Amino acid sequence: MMRTPPEAYLIFKEELKKAEIEKAKLKDNYERTLSEMKDELSFLKEQISSQQDMMKTTVEYATRLENELSKLKNQISNDRLNSNKSFH
């Protein structure tokens, strides 16, 4: 003869099942959110890398212009000195 389990056990078993379902939902939600955050982080890293490359190129360009400007100023100064000497 099989005994019927106590009502408290059946309620506990049902609550345990609900808790396991909720735990699975939370785990799925956590994993989905984590995946989205990883994707976004990867995108941000790409953006930062691109901006760093642009800044590096800009600095290199500005440095080159600065050097060319310095050479031009020196050339102008030398030309002035040489032109003044030729008149005397």
Protein backbone atom coordinates (compact mmCIF):
# COMPACT_ATOMS: atom_id res chain seq x y z
CA MET A 1 0.00 0.00 0.00
CA MET A 2 1.42 3.39 -1.08
CA ARG A 3 1.03 6.37 1.14
CA THR A 4 0.13 9.80 -0.23
CA PRO A 5 2.93 12.31 0.47
CA PRO A 6 2.06 15.01 2.99
CA GLU A 7 0.58 18.21 1.57
CA ALA A 8 3.50 20.26 2.89
CA TYR A 9 5.89 18.11 0.82
CA LEU A 10 3.81 18.62 -2.33
CA ILE A 11 3.72 22.38 -1.75
CA PHE A 12 7.48 22.41 -1.12
CA LYS A 13 8.07 20.39 -4.29
CA GLU A 14 5.93 22.82 -6.32
CA GLU A 15 7.71 25.87 -4.84
CA LEU A 16 11.08 24.26 -5.59
CA LYS A 17 10.02 23.73 -9.21
CA LYS A 18 8.93 27.39 -9.49
CA ALA A 19 12.23 28.52 -7.98
CA GLU A 20 14.20 26.41 -10.47
CA ILE A 21 12.22 27.88 -13.38
CA GLU A 22 12.85 31.41 -12.05
CA LYS A 23 16.54 30.62 -11.59
CA ALA A 24 16.77 29.44 -15.21
CA LYS A 25 15.05 32.64 -16.42
CA LEU A 26 17.43 34.79 -14.39
CA LYS A 27 20.42 32.86 -15.72
CA ASP A 28 19.26 33.32 -19.33
CA ASN A 29 18.64 37.02 -18.74
CA TYR A 30 22.06 37.42 -17.09
CA GLU A 31 23.83 35.62 -19.94
CA ARG A 32 21.99 37.68 -22.57
CA THR A 33 22.79 40.93 -20.78
CA LEU A 34 26.43 39.92 -20.36
CA SER A 35 26.68 39.05 -24.06
CA GLU A 36 25.18 42.43 -25.03
CA MET A 37 27.63 44.24 -22.74
CA LYS A 38 30.57 42.31 -24.24
CA ASP A 39 29.41 43.28 -27.74
CA GLU A 40 29.09 46.91 -26.73
CA LEU A 41 32.50 46.87 -25.06
CA SER A 42 34.02 45.42 -28.21
CA PHE A 43 32.38 48.17 -30.27
CA LEU A 44 33.69 50.84 -27.89
CA LYS A 45 37.20 49.39 -28.09
CA GLU A 46 37.04 49.64 -31.90
CA GLN A 47 35.82 53.24 -31.65
CA ILE A 48 38.61 54.19 -29.24
CA SER A 49 41.21 52.51 -31.43
CA SER A 50 39.96 54.41 -34.49
CA GLN A 51 40.02 57.70 -32.60
CA GLN A 52 43.54 57.00 -31.34
CA ASP A 53 44.67 56.33 -34.92
CA MET A 54 43.06 59.58 -36.09
CA MET A 55 44.71 61.53 -33.28
CA LYS A 56 48.08 59.95 -34.03
CA THR A 57 47.75 60.89 -37.69
CA THR A 58 46.69 64.43 -36.74
CA VAL A 59 49.65 64.87 -34.39
CA GLU A 60 52.05 63.55 -37.03
CA TYR A 61 50.58 65.94 -39.59
CA ALA A 62 50.75 68.91 -37.19
CA THR A 63 54.37 68.05 -36.33
CA ARG A 64 55.27 67.89 -40.01
CA LEU A 65 53.61 71.26 -40.65
CA GLU A 66 55.40 72.74 -37.65
CA ASN A 67 58.75 71.53 -39.01
CA GLU A 68 57.99 72.88 -42.47
CA LEU A 69 56.95 76.23 -40.98
CA SER A 70 60.17 76.36 -38.95
CA LYS A 71 62.24 75.63 -42.07
CA LEU A 72 60.36 78.32 -43.98
CA LYS A 73 60.99 80.87 -41.22
CA ASN A 74 64.69 80.01 -41.22
CA GLN A 75 64.80 80.28 -45.00
CA ILE A 76 63.10 83.69 -44.88
CA SER A 77 65.53 84.88 -42.20
CA ASN A 78 68.52 83.64 -44.22
CA ASP A 79 67.18 85.23 -47.41
CA ARG A 80 66.76 88.57 -45.60
CA LEU A 81 70.28 88.40 -44.22
CA ASN A 82 71.71 87.50 -47.62
CA SER A 83 69.71 90.19 -49.43
CA ASN A 84 70.84 92.84 -46.92
CA LYS A 85 74.48 91.84 -47.40
CA SER A 86 74.25 92.16 -51.17
CA PHE A 87 73.25 95.84 -50.97
CA HIS A 88 76.32 96.85 -48.95
